[in-house]
Amino acid sequence: MEMAWVLVSMTLRGLMLMVILLWTVTSTDGEDVHVTCVFSEDCVLPCSFQPDSEEVIHWLQPEDKNLSTIHSYYYSTDQLKQQSQPYRGRTALFNDQIPKGNASLLLRGITLQDQGRYKCYTSTIKGNKESCVNIAVEAPVRLVDIQLSDDIITCSSTGIYPEPKLTWSTDPPL
């Protein structure tokens, strides 16, 4: 966290009065965190902060022109009135972990539209912090169906993302 301290001393009727002003600047961790989520499953977007009191947590999608609100927490409770429609009923914080500095977000039922960059903004009396998480979505190969009919072999699978690379070989080679 980046902080600047300013000391101001003044003489007032023979008494030395020292005033300390604290100027906090929102800190960032620098590098984005990259998370790979599995299509249609739940995924955790990590975020941590220096715990203190009066926690404020906002999960946002900064690349959306409207700065979509994914999840908000303040006044010691979830605040979901401004939550963007695609995320309604799909998000949760680990509320019992917030006093320990955990602001991670659970995103349920991952879709391809969930790919992208997310911002976690936290604020306490100790200061503010921003970090970013990039989500990549994959739907791995779970089942391959192979059918043999006469001299025709049919190999199929569904729900794979991104598109797989396919190769075919015979033994002995043709």
N, C-alpha and C. Protein backbone atom coordinates (compact mmCIF):
# COMPACT_ATOMS: atom_id res chain seq x y z
N MET A 1 0.85 -1.16 0.00
CA MET A 1 0.00 0.00 0.00
C MET A 1 0.90 1.23 0.00
N GLU A 2 0.60 2.19 -0.80
CA GLU A 2 1.38 3.41 -0.90
C GLU A 2 0.75 4.47 -0.01
N MET A 3 1.56 5.09 0.86
CA MET A 3 1.05 6.13 1.75
C MET A 3 2.02 7.30 1.79
N ALA A 4 1.49 8.46 1.97
CA ALA A 4 2.32 9.65 2.14
C ALA A 4 1.95 10.28 3.47
N TRP A 5 2.92 10.59 4.27
CA TRP A 5 2.69 11.22 5.57
C TRP A 5 3.08 12.68 5.47
N VAL A 6 2.26 13.55 6.00
CA VAL A 6 2.54 14.98 6.01
C VAL A 6 2.51 15.44 7.46
N LEU A 7 3.60 16.04 7.91
CA LEU A 7 3.67 16.57 9.26
C LEU A 7 3.56 18.08 9.20
N VAL A 8 2.70 18.61 10.01
CA VAL A 8 2.53 20.06 10.08
C VAL A 8 2.67 20.46 11.54
N SER A 9 3.58 21.37 11.82
CA SER A 9 3.70 21.83 13.20
C SER A 9 3.36 23.31 13.25
N MET A 10 2.70 23.70 14.32
CA MET A 10 2.26 25.08 14.48
C MET A 10 2.48 25.48 15.93
N THR A 11 2.77 26.72 16.15
CA THR A 11 2.85 27.24 17.51
C THR A 11 1.59 28.00 17.78
N LEU A 12 0.91 27.61 18.86
CA LEU A 12 -0.34 28.25 19.21
C LEU A 12 -0.28 28.64 20.68
N ARG A 13 -0.16 29.99 20.96
CA ARG A 13 -0.07 30.52 22.32
C ARG A 13 0.98 29.79 23.15
N GLY A 14 2.13 29.61 22.56
CA GLY A 14 3.23 29.01 23.30
C GLY A 14 3.19 27.50 23.35
N LEU A 15 2.15 26.89 22.84
CA LEU A 15 2.07 25.43 22.84
C LEU A 15 2.42 24.91 21.46
N MET A 16 3.15 23.87 21.45
CA MET A 16 3.48 23.25 20.17
C MET A 16 2.35 22.28 19.83
N LEU A 17 1.75 22.46 18.69
CA LEU A 17 0.67 21.60 18.24
C LEU A 17 1.14 20.89 16.97
N MET A 18 1.10 19.60 16.99
CA MET A 18 1.53 18.85 15.82
C MET A 18 0.32 18.15 15.24
N VAL A 19 0.11 18.32 13.98
CA VAL A 19 -1.01 17.70 13.29
C VAL A 19 -0.42 16.73 12.27
N ILE A 20 -0.93 15.54 12.29
CA ILE A 20 -0.48 14.53 11.33
C ILE A 20 -1.63 14.27 10.37
N LEU A 21 -1.37 14.50 9.13
CA LEU A 21 -2.36 14.22 8.09
C LEU A 21 -1.94 12.95 7.38
N LEU A 22 -2.88 12.06 7.20
CA LEU A 22 -2.61 10.81 6.51
C LEU A 22 -3.30 10.86 5.16
N TRP A 23 -2.51 10.68 4.13
CA TRP A 23 -3.04 10.68 2.77
C TRP A 23 -2.86 9.28 2.24
N THR A 24 -3.95 8.61 1.92
CA THR A 24 -3.82 7.25 1.40
C THR A 24 -4.11 7.27 -0.09
N VAL A 25 -3.39 6.45 -0.79
CA VAL A 25 -3.59 6.29 -2.21
C VAL A 25 -4.01 4.84 -2.43
N THR A 26 -4.98 4.63 -3.26
CA THR A 26 -5.42 3.28 -3.53
C THR A 26 -4.25 2.48 -4.08
N SER A 27 -4.03 1.33 -3.49
CA SER A 27 -2.92 0.50 -3.95
C SER A 27 -3.44 -0.60 -4.85
N THR A 28 -2.57 -1.07 -5.70
CA THR A 28 -2.89 -2.21 -6.55
C THR A 28 -1.78 -3.23 -6.38
N ASP A 29 -2.11 -4.47 -6.61
CA ASP A 29 -1.11 -5.53 -6.52
C ASP A 29 -0.22 -5.56 -7.74
N GLY A 30 -0.56 -4.80 -8.77
CA GLY A 30 0.25 -4.80 -9.98
C GLY A 30 -0.27 -5.78 -11.00
N GLU A 31 0.18 -7.01 -10.91
CA GLU A 31 -0.18 -8.02 -11.90
C GLU A 31 -1.61 -8.53 -11.69
N ASP A 32 -2.30 -8.75 -12.80
CA ASP A 32 -3.62 -9.37 -12.74
C ASP A 32 -3.46 -10.85 -12.37
N VAL A 33 -4.44 -11.38 -11.68
CA VAL A 33 -4.50 -12.81 -11.38
C VAL A 33 -5.28 -13.46 -12.53
N HIS A 34 -4.79 -14.60 -13.01
CA HIS A 34 -5.47 -15.32 -14.08
C HIS A 34 -6.09 -16.59 -13.50
N VAL A 35 -7.39 -16.77 -13.78
CA VAL A 35 -8.13 -17.92 -13.28
C VAL A 35 -8.81 -18.59 -14.46
N THR A 36 -8.71 -19.91 -14.52
CA THR A 36 -9.43 -20.67 -15.53
C THR A 36 -10.62 -21.34 -14.86
N CYS A 37 -11.80 -21.07 -15.40
CA CYS A 37 -13.04 -21.60 -14.85
C CYS A 37 -13.61 -22.63 -15.83
N VAL A 38 -14.30 -23.61 -15.30
CA VAL A 38 -14.90 -24.66 -16.12
C VAL A 38 -16.36 -24.30 -16.40
N PHE A 39 -16.72 -24.35 -17.67
CA PHE A 39 -18.06 -24.02 -18.13
C PHE A 39 -19.11 -24.76 -17.31
N SER A 40 -20.13 -24.03 -16.88
CA SER A 40 -21.31 -24.49 -16.13
C SER A 40 -21.01 -24.88 -14.67
N GLU A 41 -19.75 -24.75 -14.25
CA GLU A 41 -19.41 -25.05 -12.85
C GLU A 41 -19.22 -23.74 -12.08
N ASP A 42 -18.98 -23.85 -10.79
CA ASP A 42 -18.72 -22.68 -9.95
C ASP A 42 -17.24 -22.36 -9.96
N CYS A 43 -16.91 -21.08 -9.77
CA CYS A 43 -15.52 -20.64 -9.83
C CYS A 43 -15.31 -19.56 -8.77
N VAL A 44 -14.13 -19.58 -8.15
CA VAL A 44 -13.78 -18.58 -7.14
C VAL A 44 -12.78 -17.59 -7.72
N LEU A 45 -13.12 -16.31 -7.61
CA LEU A 45 -12.22 -15.23 -8.03
C LEU A 45 -11.54 -14.71 -6.76
N PRO A 46 -10.23 -14.88 -6.65
CA PRO A 46 -9.56 -14.54 -5.40
C PRO A 46 -9.37 -13.03 -5.22
N CYS A 47 -9.49 -12.59 -3.96
CA CYS A 47 -9.24 -11.20 -3.61
C CYS A 47 -9.00 -11.14 -2.10
N SER A 48 -7.94 -10.46 -1.70
CA SER A 48 -7.67 -10.32 -0.27
C SER A 48 -7.32 -8.86 0.03
N PHE A 49 -7.43 -8.50 1.30
CA PHE A 49 -7.15 -7.14 1.72
C PHE A 49 -6.69 -7.16 3.17
N GLN A 50 -6.16 -6.05 3.63
CA GLN A 50 -5.74 -5.90 5.02
C GLN A 50 -7.00 -5.71 5.87
N PRO A 51 -7.34 -6.68 6.72
CA PRO A 51 -8.61 -6.57 7.46
C PRO A 51 -8.60 -5.44 8.49
N ASP A 52 -9.74 -4.88 8.69
CA ASP A 52 -9.98 -3.83 9.68
C ASP A 52 -11.49 -3.69 9.81
N SER A 53 -11.96 -2.56 10.21
CA SER A 53 -13.41 -2.39 10.37
C SER A 53 -13.99 -1.60 9.20
N GLU A 54 -15.31 -1.60 9.13
CA GLU A 54 -16.06 -0.88 8.10
C GLU A 54 -15.65 -1.31 6.69
N GLU A 55 -15.67 -2.62 6.47
CA GLU A 55 -15.26 -3.15 5.17
C GLU A 55 -16.25 -2.78 4.08
N VAL A 56 -15.72 -2.38 2.94
CA VAL A 56 -16.50 -2.14 1.73
C VAL A 56 -15.86 -2.98 0.64
N ILE A 57 -16.68 -3.77 -0.05
CA ILE A 57 -16.17 -4.62 -1.13
C ILE A 57 -17.06 -4.40 -2.34
N HIS A 58 -16.42 -4.13 -3.47
CA HIS A 58 -17.15 -4.02 -4.74
C HIS A 58 -16.42 -4.89 -5.76
N TRP A 59 -17.16 -5.78 -6.40
CA TRP A 59 -16.66 -6.51 -7.55
C TRP A 59 -17.30 -5.88 -8.78
N LEU A 60 -16.47 -5.45 -9.73
CA LEU A 60 -16.94 -4.74 -10.92
C LEU A 60 -16.34 -5.35 -12.17
N GLN A 61 -16.97 -5.09 -13.29
CA GLN A 61 -16.41 -5.48 -14.57
C GLN A 61 -16.00 -4.19 -15.29
N PRO A 62 -14.72 -3.81 -15.16
CA PRO A 62 -14.27 -2.50 -15.63
C PRO A 62 -14.28 -2.32 -17.13
N GLU A 63 -14.25 -3.40 -17.90
CA GLU A 63 -14.20 -3.25 -19.36
C GLU A 63 -15.59 -3.01 -19.96
N ASP A 64 -16.62 -3.18 -19.15
CA ASP A 64 -17.98 -2.88 -19.58
C ASP A 64 -18.13 -1.36 -19.52
N LYS A 65 -18.66 -0.73 -20.57
CA LYS A 65 -18.80 0.73 -20.59
C LYS A 65 -19.60 1.24 -19.40
N ASN A 66 -20.56 0.44 -18.93
CA ASN A 66 -21.40 0.86 -17.82
C ASN A 66 -20.82 0.49 -16.46
N LEU A 67 -19.63 -0.11 -16.44
CA LEU A 67 -18.98 -0.55 -15.21
C LEU A 67 -19.95 -1.42 -14.40
N SER A 68 -20.27 -2.59 -14.95
CA SER A 68 -21.24 -3.49 -14.34
C SER A 68 -20.87 -3.84 -12.90
N THR A 69 -21.85 -3.80 -12.03
CA THR A 69 -21.67 -4.21 -10.65
C THR A 69 -21.95 -5.70 -10.55
N ILE A 70 -20.95 -6.44 -10.13
CA ILE A 70 -21.09 -7.89 -9.99
C ILE A 70 -21.61 -8.22 -8.60
N HIS A 71 -21.01 -7.59 -7.57
CA HIS A 71 -21.41 -7.85 -6.18
C HIS A 71 -20.89 -6.71 -5.32
N SER A 72 -21.68 -6.27 -4.37
CA SER A 72 -21.25 -5.22 -3.43
C SER A 72 -21.57 -5.65 -2.00
N TYR A 73 -20.71 -5.18 -1.08
CA TYR A 73 -20.87 -5.49 0.33
C TYR A 73 -20.44 -4.25 1.13
N TYR A 74 -21.33 -3.75 1.95
CA TYR A 74 -20.99 -2.67 2.88
C TYR A 74 -22.06 -2.62 3.96
N TYR A 75 -21.79 -1.87 5.03
CA TYR A 75 -22.64 -1.89 6.22
C TYR A 75 -22.82 -3.32 6.74
N SER A 76 -21.76 -4.11 6.61
CA SER A 76 -21.71 -5.50 7.12
C SER A 76 -22.73 -6.44 6.49
N THR A 77 -23.16 -6.14 5.27
CA THR A 77 -24.10 -7.03 4.59
C THR A 77 -23.97 -6.90 3.07
N ASP A 78 -24.43 -7.91 2.34
CA ASP A 78 -24.45 -7.85 0.88
C ASP A 78 -25.43 -6.77 0.44
N GLN A 79 -25.04 -6.02 -0.60
CA GLN A 79 -25.87 -4.95 -1.15
C GLN A 79 -26.04 -5.26 -2.64
N LEU A 80 -27.16 -5.85 -3.00
CA LEU A 80 -27.33 -6.37 -4.35
C LEU A 80 -28.36 -5.63 -5.19
N LYS A 81 -28.83 -4.48 -4.73
CA LYS A 81 -29.85 -3.73 -5.48
C LYS A 81 -29.32 -3.24 -6.82
N GLN A 82 -28.03 -2.91 -6.90
CA GLN A 82 -27.45 -2.39 -8.13
C GLN A 82 -26.75 -3.47 -8.95
N GLN A 83 -26.91 -4.73 -8.56
CA GLN A 83 -26.24 -5.83 -9.24
C GLN A 83 -26.73 -5.97 -10.67
N SER A 84 -25.80 -6.15 -11.61
CA SER A 84 -26.14 -6.33 -13.02
C SER A 84 -26.93 -7.62 -13.21
N GLN A 85 -27.88 -7.57 -14.10
CA GLN A 85 -28.81 -8.68 -14.33
C GLN A 85 -28.12 -10.04 -14.58
N PRO A 86 -27.08 -10.12 -15.41
CA PRO A 86 -26.49 -11.44 -15.68
C PRO A 86 -25.89 -12.13 -14.45
N TYR A 87 -25.69 -11.39 -13.36
CA TYR A 87 -25.05 -11.95 -12.17
C TYR A 87 -26.03 -12.22 -11.03
N ARG A 88 -27.28 -11.83 -11.20
CA ARG A 88 -28.27 -12.00 -10.12
C ARG A 88 -28.45 -13.48 -9.78
N GLY A 89 -28.35 -13.78 -8.50
CA GLY A 89 -28.50 -15.14 -8.02
C GLY A 89 -27.30 -16.03 -8.29
N ARG A 90 -26.21 -15.47 -8.80
CA ARG A 90 -25.04 -16.28 -9.17
C ARG A 90 -23.79 -15.95 -8.37
N THR A 91 -23.85 -14.96 -7.47
CA THR A 91 -22.64 -14.54 -6.77
C THR A 91 -22.79 -14.67 -5.27
N ALA A 92 -21.65 -14.83 -4.61
CA ALA A 92 -21.63 -14.85 -3.15
C ALA A 92 -20.22 -14.54 -2.67
N LEU A 93 -20.14 -13.86 -1.55
CA LEU A 93 -18.87 -13.68 -0.86
C LEU A 93 -18.82 -14.71 0.25
N PHE A 94 -17.64 -14.93 0.79
CA PHE A 94 -17.48 -15.82 1.94
C PHE A 94 -17.55 -14.92 3.18
N ASN A 95 -18.78 -14.54 3.56
CA ASN A 95 -19.00 -13.51 4.57
C ASN A 95 -18.29 -13.79 5.89
N ASP A 96 -18.17 -15.05 6.28
CA ASP A 96 -17.48 -15.36 7.52
C ASP A 96 -15.97 -15.13 7.42
N GLN A 97 -15.47 -14.99 6.18
CA GLN A 97 -14.04 -14.78 5.96
C GLN A 97 -13.68 -13.31 5.75
N ILE A 98 -14.66 -12.43 5.58
CA ILE A 98 -14.39 -11.00 5.35
C ILE A 98 -13.60 -10.39 6.50
N PRO A 99 -13.93 -10.65 7.78
CA PRO A 99 -13.12 -10.07 8.87
C PRO A 99 -11.67 -10.55 8.86
N LYS A 100 -11.38 -11.62 8.12
CA LYS A 100 -10.02 -12.14 8.01
C LYS A 100 -9.30 -11.60 6.77
N GLY A 101 -9.99 -10.72 6.01
CA GLY A 101 -9.37 -10.12 4.83
C GLY A 101 -9.62 -10.87 3.54
N ASN A 102 -10.61 -11.74 3.50
CA ASN A 102 -10.93 -12.50 2.30
C ASN A 102 -12.15 -11.87 1.62
N ALA A 103 -11.95 -11.31 0.43
CA ALA A 103 -13.04 -10.72 -0.35
C ALA A 103 -13.29 -11.52 -1.63
N SER A 104 -12.86 -12.77 -1.65
CA SER A 104 -13.02 -13.62 -2.83
C SER A 104 -14.50 -13.76 -3.19
N LEU A 105 -14.75 -13.88 -4.49
CA LEU A 105 -16.11 -13.97 -5.01
C LEU A 105 -16.37 -15.36 -5.57
N LEU A 106 -17.48 -15.96 -5.19
CA LEU A 106 -17.93 -17.22 -5.78
C LEU A 106 -18.88 -16.86 -6.91
N LEU A 107 -18.56 -17.30 -8.11
CA LEU A 107 -19.41 -17.07 -9.28
C LEU A 107 -19.93 -18.43 -9.72
N ARG A 108 -21.25 -18.61 -9.66
CA ARG A 108 -21.88 -19.91 -9.94
C ARG A 108 -22.27 -20.03 -11.41
N GLY A 109 -22.25 -21.27 -11.90
CA GLY A 109 -22.75 -21.56 -13.25
C GLY A 109 -22.04 -20.76 -14.32
N ILE A 110 -20.74 -20.90 -14.41
CA ILE A 110 -19.92 -20.12 -15.35
C ILE A 110 -20.43 -20.29 -16.78
N THR A 111 -20.50 -19.16 -17.50
CA THR A 111 -20.89 -19.15 -18.92
C THR A 111 -19.73 -18.58 -19.73
N LEU A 112 -19.80 -18.73 -21.04
CA LEU A 112 -18.76 -18.15 -21.90
C LEU A 112 -18.74 -16.63 -21.79
N GLN A 113 -19.89 -16.02 -21.51
CA GLN A 113 -19.97 -14.57 -21.38
C GLN A 113 -19.25 -14.07 -20.12
N ASP A 114 -18.93 -14.97 -19.19
CA ASP A 114 -18.22 -14.57 -17.98
C ASP A 114 -16.73 -14.35 -18.21
N GLN A 115 -16.22 -14.73 -19.38
CA GLN A 115 -14.81 -14.50 -19.66
C GLN A 115 -14.51 -13.01 -19.62
N GLY A 116 -13.33 -12.66 -19.12
CA GLY A 116 -12.94 -11.27 -19.13
C GLY A 116 -12.29 -10.85 -17.83
N ARG A 117 -12.18 -9.53 -17.68
CA ARG A 117 -11.47 -8.93 -16.56
C ARG A 117 -12.45 -8.42 -15.51
N TYR A 118 -12.16 -8.71 -14.25
CA TYR A 118 -12.97 -8.28 -13.12
C TYR A 118 -12.10 -7.51 -12.14
N LYS A 119 -12.69 -6.51 -11.52
CA LYS A 119 -11.96 -5.69 -10.54
C LYS A 119 -12.55 -5.91 -9.16
N CYS A 120 -11.67 -6.14 -8.19
CA CYS A 120 -12.07 -6.25 -6.79
C CYS A 120 -11.57 -4.98 -6.10
N TYR A 121 -12.49 -4.20 -5.59
CA TYR A 121 -12.15 -2.98 -4.86
C TYR A 121 -12.53 -3.20 -3.40
N THR A 122 -11.57 -2.98 -2.51
CA THR A 122 -11.85 -3.09 -1.08
C THR A 122 -11.43 -1.81 -0.39
N SER A 123 -12.14 -1.51 0.69
CA SER A 123 -11.85 -0.31 1.47
C SER A 123 -12.13 -0.60 2.94
N THR A 124 -11.21 -0.16 3.78
CA THR A 124 -11.40 -0.20 5.23
C THR A 124 -10.84 1.10 5.77
N ILE A 125 -10.85 1.24 7.08
CA ILE A 125 -10.25 2.43 7.69
C ILE A 125 -8.76 2.49 7.38
N LYS A 126 -8.13 1.34 7.17
CA LYS A 126 -6.69 1.29 6.88
C LYS A 126 -6.36 1.75 5.46
N GLY A 127 -7.33 1.77 4.56
CA GLY A 127 -7.06 2.21 3.19
C GLY A 127 -7.84 1.43 2.16
N ASN A 128 -7.53 1.70 0.91
CA ASN A 128 -8.22 1.11 -0.23
C ASN A 128 -7.26 0.22 -1.01
N LYS A 129 -7.83 -0.75 -1.71
CA LYS A 129 -7.02 -1.64 -2.53
C LYS A 129 -7.83 -2.06 -3.74
N GLU A 130 -7.18 -2.15 -4.87
CA GLU A 130 -7.79 -2.67 -6.09
C GLU A 130 -6.93 -3.81 -6.61
N SER A 131 -7.59 -4.86 -7.08
CA SER A 131 -6.87 -5.93 -7.76
C SER A 131 -7.77 -6.44 -8.88
N CYS A 132 -7.16 -7.06 -9.87
CA CYS A 132 -7.92 -7.53 -11.03
C CYS A 132 -7.72 -9.02 -11.23
N VAL A 133 -8.79 -9.66 -11.70
CA VAL A 133 -8.78 -11.09 -11.99
C VAL A 133 -9.26 -11.27 -13.42
N ASN A 134 -8.50 -12.01 -14.22
CA ASN A 134 -8.89 -12.35 -15.58
C ASN A 134 -9.40 -13.77 -15.61
N ILE A 135 -10.63 -13.94 -16.11
CA ILE A 135 -11.23 -15.27 -16.20
C ILE A 135 -11.15 -15.77 -17.63
N ALA A 136 -10.65 -17.00 -17.77
CA ALA A 136 -10.74 -17.74 -19.02
C ALA A 136 -11.70 -18.90 -18.75
N VAL A 137 -12.57 -19.19 -19.70
CA VAL A 137 -13.54 -20.26 -19.53
C VAL A 137 -13.19 -21.41 -20.47
N GLU A 138 -13.21 -22.61 -19.91
CA GLU A 138 -12.96 -23.81 -20.71
C GLU A 138 -14.05 -24.84 -20.44
N ALA A 139 -14.34 -25.63 -21.44
CA ALA A 139 -15.23 -26.78 -21.29
C ALA A 139 -14.43 -27.97 -21.79
N PRO A 140 -13.77 -28.68 -20.89
CA PRO A 140 -12.88 -29.76 -21.33
C PRO A 140 -13.65 -30.95 -21.88
N VAL A 141 -12.94 -31.78 -22.63
CA VAL A 141 -13.52 -33.01 -23.17
C VAL A 141 -13.81 -33.94 -22.00
N ARG A 142 -15.06 -34.31 -21.86
CA ARG A 142 -15.45 -35.21 -20.78
C ARG A 142 -15.85 -36.60 -21.31
N LEU A 143 -16.37 -36.61 -22.53
CA LEU A 143 -16.84 -37.86 -23.09
C LEU A 143 -16.66 -37.83 -24.60
N VAL A 144 -16.14 -38.92 -25.13
CA VAL A 144 -16.00 -39.06 -26.57
C VAL A 144 -16.76 -40.33 -26.96
N ASP A 145 -17.63 -40.18 -27.93
CA ASP A 145 -18.43 -41.30 -28.40
C ASP A 145 -17.86 -41.77 -29.73
N ILE A 146 -17.51 -43.05 -29.82
CA ILE A 146 -16.96 -43.61 -31.06
C ILE A 146 -17.91 -44.70 -31.55
N GLN A 147 -18.35 -44.56 -32.78
CA GLN A 147 -19.26 -45.52 -33.40
C GLN A 147 -18.60 -46.12 -34.64
N LEU A 148 -18.76 -47.41 -34.80
CA LEU A 148 -18.24 -48.10 -35.98
C LEU A 148 -19.42 -48.72 -36.71
N SER A 149 -19.58 -48.34 -37.97
CA SER A 149 -20.65 -48.89 -38.79
C SER A 149 -20.06 -49.20 -40.16
N ASP A 150 -20.00 -50.49 -40.50
CA ASP A 150 -19.32 -50.96 -41.72
C ASP A 150 -17.89 -50.46 -41.68
N ASP A 151 -17.48 -49.66 -42.65
CA ASP A 151 -16.12 -49.12 -42.69
C ASP A 151 -16.07 -47.66 -42.27
N ILE A 152 -17.14 -47.19 -41.60
CA ILE A 152 -17.19 -45.77 -41.21
C ILE A 152 -17.06 -45.67 -39.70
N ILE A 153 -16.09 -44.88 -39.29
CA ILE A 153 -15.91 -44.61 -37.86
C ILE A 153 -16.38 -43.19 -37.60
N THR A 154 -17.28 -43.02 -36.64
CA THR A 154 -17.77 -41.70 -36.27
C THR A 154 -17.34 -41.42 -34.83
N CYS A 155 -16.65 -40.33 -34.67
CA CYS A 155 -16.17 -39.90 -33.35
C CYS A 155 -16.86 -38.58 -33.04
N SER A 156 -17.53 -38.49 -31.88
CA SER A 156 -18.24 -37.25 -31.57
C SER A 156 -18.14 -36.92 -30.08
N SER A 157 -18.31 -35.64 -29.80
CA SER A 157 -18.33 -35.13 -28.43
C SER A 157 -19.09 -33.81 -28.47
N THR A 158 -19.61 -33.39 -27.34
CA THR A 158 -20.34 -32.12 -27.29
C THR A 158 -19.84 -31.28 -26.12
N GLY A 159 -20.15 -30.00 -26.18
CA GLY A 159 -19.87 -29.10 -25.08
C GLY A 159 -18.41 -28.83 -24.82
N ILE A 160 -17.60 -28.79 -25.85
CA ILE A 160 -16.16 -28.57 -25.70
C ILE A 160 -15.84 -27.12 -26.07
N TYR A 161 -15.06 -26.46 -25.23
CA TYR A 161 -14.61 -25.09 -25.53
C TYR A 161 -13.26 -24.88 -24.85
N PRO A 162 -12.30 -24.28 -25.51
CA PRO A 162 -12.33 -23.87 -26.92
C PRO A 162 -12.29 -25.09 -27.85
N GLU A 163 -12.49 -24.83 -29.14
CA GLU A 163 -12.54 -25.89 -30.13
C GLU A 163 -11.28 -26.73 -30.04
N PRO A 164 -11.45 -28.06 -29.95
CA PRO A 164 -10.26 -28.91 -29.81
C PRO A 164 -9.52 -29.10 -31.12
N LYS A 165 -8.26 -29.48 -31.00
CA LYS A 165 -7.47 -29.87 -32.17
C LYS A 165 -7.65 -31.37 -32.33
N LEU A 166 -7.97 -31.81 -33.51
CA LEU A 166 -8.20 -33.22 -33.77
C LEU A 166 -7.11 -33.77 -34.67
N THR A 167 -6.67 -34.98 -34.39
CA THR A 167 -5.73 -35.67 -35.26
C THR A 167 -6.23 -37.08 -35.47
N TRP A 168 -5.84 -37.65 -36.58
CA TRP A 168 -6.24 -39.00 -36.90
C TRP A 168 -4.99 -39.76 -37.36
N SER A 169 -4.88 -40.97 -36.87
CA SER A 169 -3.75 -41.78 -37.33
C SER A 169 -4.19 -43.23 -37.47
N THR A 170 -3.49 -43.95 -38.27
CA THR A 170 -3.74 -45.37 -38.45
C THR A 170 -2.43 -46.11 -38.21
N ASP A 171 -2.58 -47.36 -37.84
CA ASP A 171 -1.38 -48.18 -37.63
C ASP A 171 -1.59 -49.48 -38.39
N PRO A 172 -0.88 -49.77 -39.40
CA PRO A 172 0.24 -49.00 -39.92
C PRO A 172 -0.25 -47.77 -40.70
N PRO A 173 0.65 -46.76 -40.82
CA PRO A 173 0.28 -45.55 -41.56
C PRO A 173 -0.07 -45.88 -43.00
N LEU A 174 -0.99 -45.11 -43.57
CA LEU A 174 -1.39 -45.33 -44.96
C LEU A 174 -0.32 -44.90 -45.93
